Amino acid sequence: MRMKDLLGMQVLDIDAKDIGKVSDVDFNEESGEINKIAVSLQKNILSHDEVLIHFENIKSIGDYVLLRINIDKDDKV
């Protein structure tokens, strides 16, 4: 998978709730390993927040990114 394939990918929390989309990827340039992803959380039509998810909190990446944790979009991030 290429890094550009991750951008815009849907992100689901441990309960399979849609929390947002991948907006950026931080990776190690030497090894190519992902350190963390930035997820844009859409709270409502005009309000967006962003949260950083460390790689150890990512369960799998396929058609979407599945997390090992819960993210509450209503909380201030």
N, C-alpha and C. Protein backbone atom coordinates (compact mmCIF):
# COMPACT_ATOMS: atom_id res chain seq x y z
N MET A 1 0.85 -1.18 0.00
CA MET A 1 0.00 0.00 0.00
C MET A 1 0.89 1.24 0.00
N ARG A 2 0.52 2.20 -0.80
CA ARG A 2 1.25 3.46 -0.85
C ARG A 2 0.64 4.46 0.13
N MET A 3 1.48 5.38 0.60
CA MET A 3 1.01 6.38 1.57
C MET A 3 -0.17 7.18 1.01
N LYS A 4 -0.13 7.50 -0.27
CA LYS A 4 -1.21 8.29 -0.85
C LYS A 4 -2.55 7.55 -0.83
N ASP A 5 -2.49 6.21 -0.77
CA ASP A 5 -3.72 5.41 -0.68
C ASP A 5 -4.40 5.59 0.67
N LEU A 6 -3.62 5.92 1.71
CA LEU A 6 -4.18 6.13 3.05
C LEU A 6 -4.93 7.44 3.17
N LEU A 7 -4.48 8.46 2.45
CA LEU A 7 -5.11 9.78 2.55
C LEU A 7 -6.56 9.72 2.10
N GLY A 8 -7.46 10.20 2.95
CA GLY A 8 -8.88 10.19 2.65
C GLY A 8 -9.59 8.90 3.04
N MET A 9 -8.84 7.90 3.52
CA MET A 9 -9.43 6.62 3.91
C MET A 9 -10.28 6.79 5.17
N GLN A 10 -11.44 6.13 5.20
CA GLN A 10 -12.32 6.16 6.37
C GLN A 10 -11.64 5.50 7.56
N VAL A 11 -11.87 6.05 8.75
CA VAL A 11 -11.31 5.51 9.99
C VAL A 11 -12.47 5.11 10.91
N LEU A 12 -12.42 3.87 11.39
CA LEU A 12 -13.43 3.34 12.30
C LEU A 12 -12.78 3.04 13.65
N ASP A 13 -13.51 3.35 14.74
CA ASP A 13 -12.97 3.03 16.06
C ASP A 13 -13.23 1.57 16.40
N ILE A 14 -12.89 1.16 17.61
CA ILE A 14 -13.01 -0.25 18.01
C ILE A 14 -14.45 -0.76 17.93
N ASP A 15 -15.43 0.15 18.06
CA ASP A 15 -16.84 -0.22 17.96
C ASP A 15 -17.37 -0.10 16.53
N ALA A 16 -16.48 0.08 15.57
CA ALA A 16 -16.80 0.23 14.15
C ALA A 16 -17.62 1.49 13.85
N LYS A 17 -17.49 2.52 14.70
CA LYS A 17 -18.13 3.81 14.43
C LYS A 17 -17.21 4.63 13.53
N ASP A 18 -17.79 5.24 12.52
CA ASP A 18 -17.05 6.09 11.60
C ASP A 18 -16.65 7.37 12.34
N ILE A 19 -15.33 7.60 12.47
CA ILE A 19 -14.90 8.80 13.19
C ILE A 19 -14.34 9.88 12.28
N GLY A 20 -13.96 9.55 11.07
CA GLY A 20 -13.42 10.56 10.17
C GLY A 20 -12.58 9.95 9.08
N LYS A 21 -11.70 10.78 8.52
CA LYS A 21 -10.85 10.35 7.42
C LYS A 21 -9.39 10.69 7.71
N VAL A 22 -8.50 9.88 7.16
CA VAL A 22 -7.07 10.13 7.30
C VAL A 22 -6.72 11.41 6.54
N SER A 23 -6.13 12.38 7.26
CA SER A 23 -5.77 13.64 6.62
C SER A 23 -4.26 13.78 6.41
N ASP A 24 -3.46 13.00 7.16
CA ASP A 24 -2.01 13.07 7.02
C ASP A 24 -1.40 11.80 7.59
N VAL A 25 -0.19 11.47 7.16
CA VAL A 25 0.52 10.29 7.64
C VAL A 25 1.93 10.70 8.01
N ASP A 26 2.35 10.35 9.24
CA ASP A 26 3.71 10.57 9.69
C ASP A 26 4.43 9.23 9.64
N PHE A 27 5.54 9.16 8.91
CA PHE A 27 6.23 7.89 8.78
C PHE A 27 7.73 8.09 8.85
N ASN A 28 8.44 7.02 9.14
CA ASN A 28 9.89 7.01 9.19
C ASN A 28 10.40 6.90 7.76
N GLU A 29 11.13 7.90 7.32
CA GLU A 29 11.58 7.93 5.92
C GLU A 29 12.57 6.82 5.60
N GLU A 30 13.35 6.39 6.59
CA GLU A 30 14.34 5.34 6.33
C GLU A 30 13.70 3.96 6.23
N SER A 31 12.80 3.66 7.15
CA SER A 31 12.20 2.31 7.17
C SER A 31 10.87 2.23 6.42
N GLY A 32 10.21 3.39 6.25
CA GLY A 32 8.90 3.40 5.62
C GLY A 32 7.77 3.04 6.55
N GLU A 33 8.08 2.81 7.84
CA GLU A 33 7.05 2.45 8.82
C GLU A 33 6.23 3.67 9.23
N ILE A 34 4.95 3.44 9.43
CA ILE A 34 4.05 4.51 9.87
C ILE A 34 4.24 4.74 11.36
N ASN A 35 4.45 5.99 11.76
CA ASN A 35 4.53 6.35 13.18
C ASN A 35 3.16 6.69 13.72
N LYS A 36 2.42 7.52 12.98
CA LYS A 36 1.07 7.92 13.38
C LYS A 36 0.32 8.48 12.19
N ILE A 37 -0.99 8.53 12.33
CA ILE A 37 -1.83 9.13 11.30
C ILE A 37 -2.62 10.27 11.93
N ALA A 38 -2.92 11.27 11.13
CA ALA A 38 -3.81 12.35 11.55
C ALA A 38 -5.17 12.06 10.97
N VAL A 39 -6.19 12.15 11.85
CA VAL A 39 -7.56 11.88 11.42
C VAL A 39 -8.37 13.15 11.59
N SER A 40 -9.02 13.57 10.51
CA SER A 40 -9.91 14.73 10.54
C SER A 40 -11.27 14.27 11.02
N LEU A 41 -11.70 14.80 12.18
CA LEU A 41 -12.98 14.45 12.76
C LEU A 41 -14.00 15.50 12.36
N GLN A 42 -15.02 15.12 11.65
CA GLN A 42 -16.06 16.07 11.30
C GLN A 42 -17.10 16.08 12.40
N LYS A 43 -17.16 17.20 13.15
CA LYS A 43 -18.11 17.31 14.25
C LYS A 43 -19.47 17.78 13.75
N ASN A 44 -19.48 18.69 12.80
CA ASN A 44 -20.71 19.11 12.14
C ASN A 44 -20.31 19.72 10.79
N ILE A 45 -21.22 20.34 10.10
CA ILE A 45 -20.94 20.82 8.75
C ILE A 45 -19.79 21.82 8.70
N LEU A 46 -19.68 22.70 9.68
CA LEU A 46 -18.67 23.75 9.65
C LEU A 46 -17.49 23.53 10.59
N SER A 47 -17.51 22.49 11.39
CA SER A 47 -16.49 22.31 12.42
C SER A 47 -15.73 21.00 12.21
N HIS A 48 -14.41 21.12 12.16
CA HIS A 48 -13.54 19.95 12.04
C HIS A 48 -12.49 20.01 13.13
N ASP A 49 -12.15 18.88 13.70
CA ASP A 49 -11.03 18.75 14.61
C ASP A 49 -10.12 17.67 14.03
N GLU A 50 -8.92 17.62 14.57
CA GLU A 50 -7.98 16.61 14.11
C GLU A 50 -7.38 15.92 15.33
N VAL A 51 -7.18 14.62 15.21
CA VAL A 51 -6.58 13.84 16.28
C VAL A 51 -5.46 12.99 15.67
N LEU A 52 -4.36 12.84 16.44
CA LEU A 52 -3.25 11.99 16.01
C LEU A 52 -3.42 10.61 16.64
N ILE A 53 -3.30 9.59 15.82
CA ILE A 53 -3.42 8.20 16.26
C ILE A 53 -2.07 7.53 16.07
N HIS A 54 -1.47 7.05 17.15
CA HIS A 54 -0.20 6.34 17.06
C HIS A 54 -0.41 4.96 16.45
N PHE A 55 0.61 4.48 15.76
CA PHE A 55 0.50 3.23 15.02
C PHE A 55 0.07 2.05 15.89
N GLU A 56 0.51 2.00 17.15
CA GLU A 56 0.14 0.88 18.02
C GLU A 56 -1.36 0.85 18.32
N ASN A 57 -2.07 1.95 18.04
CA ASN A 57 -3.53 2.00 18.24
C ASN A 57 -4.30 1.65 16.97
N ILE A 58 -3.60 1.26 15.92
CA ILE A 58 -4.24 0.85 14.67
C ILE A 58 -4.27 -0.67 14.64
N LYS A 59 -5.46 -1.23 14.52
CA LYS A 59 -5.62 -2.69 14.49
C LYS A 59 -5.34 -3.24 13.10
N SER A 60 -5.93 -2.60 12.07
CA SER A 60 -5.72 -3.07 10.70
C SER A 60 -5.98 -1.95 9.71
N ILE A 61 -5.39 -2.13 8.53
CA ILE A 61 -5.60 -1.20 7.42
C ILE A 61 -5.96 -2.04 6.21
N GLY A 62 -7.11 -1.76 5.63
CA GLY A 62 -7.58 -2.49 4.46
C GLY A 62 -8.42 -1.55 3.62
N ASP A 63 -9.72 -1.83 3.53
CA ASP A 63 -10.63 -0.92 2.84
C ASP A 63 -10.86 0.33 3.69
N TYR A 64 -10.56 0.23 4.97
CA TYR A 64 -10.65 1.33 5.92
C TYR A 64 -9.62 1.09 7.01
N VAL A 65 -9.41 2.07 7.87
CA VAL A 65 -8.49 1.94 9.00
C VAL A 65 -9.33 1.60 10.23
N LEU A 66 -9.02 0.48 10.87
CA LEU A 66 -9.72 0.05 12.08
C LEU A 66 -8.80 0.26 13.28
N LEU A 67 -9.32 0.98 14.30
CA LEU A 67 -8.53 1.30 15.48
C LEU A 67 -8.77 0.31 16.61
N ARG A 68 -7.83 0.28 17.55
CA ARG A 68 -7.95 -0.52 18.77
C ARG A 68 -8.59 0.28 19.90
N ILE A 69 -8.93 1.53 19.66
CA ILE A 69 -9.42 2.44 20.70
C ILE A 69 -10.72 3.09 20.27
N ASN A 70 -11.40 3.70 21.24
CA ASN A 70 -12.59 4.50 20.97
C ASN A 70 -12.19 5.96 20.83
N ILE A 71 -12.82 6.66 19.94
CA ILE A 71 -12.65 8.11 19.77
C ILE A 71 -14.04 8.72 19.86
N ASP A 72 -14.22 9.64 20.80
CA ASP A 72 -15.50 10.34 20.94
C ASP A 72 -15.41 11.66 20.21
N LYS A 73 -16.11 11.78 19.09
CA LYS A 73 -16.05 13.00 18.27
C LYS A 73 -16.61 14.20 18.99
N ASP A 74 -17.44 13.99 20.00
CA ASP A 74 -18.04 15.11 20.71
C ASP A 74 -17.10 15.72 21.75
N ASP A 75 -16.05 14.98 22.13
CA ASP A 75 -15.07 15.51 23.07
C ASP A 75 -14.15 16.48 22.35
N LYS A 76 -13.64 17.43 23.06
CA LYS A 76 -12.65 18.36 22.51
C LYS A 76 -11.34 17.61 22.36
N VAL A 77 -10.76 17.60 21.18
CA VAL A 77 -9.52 16.89 20.92
C VAL A 77 -8.38 17.87 20.90
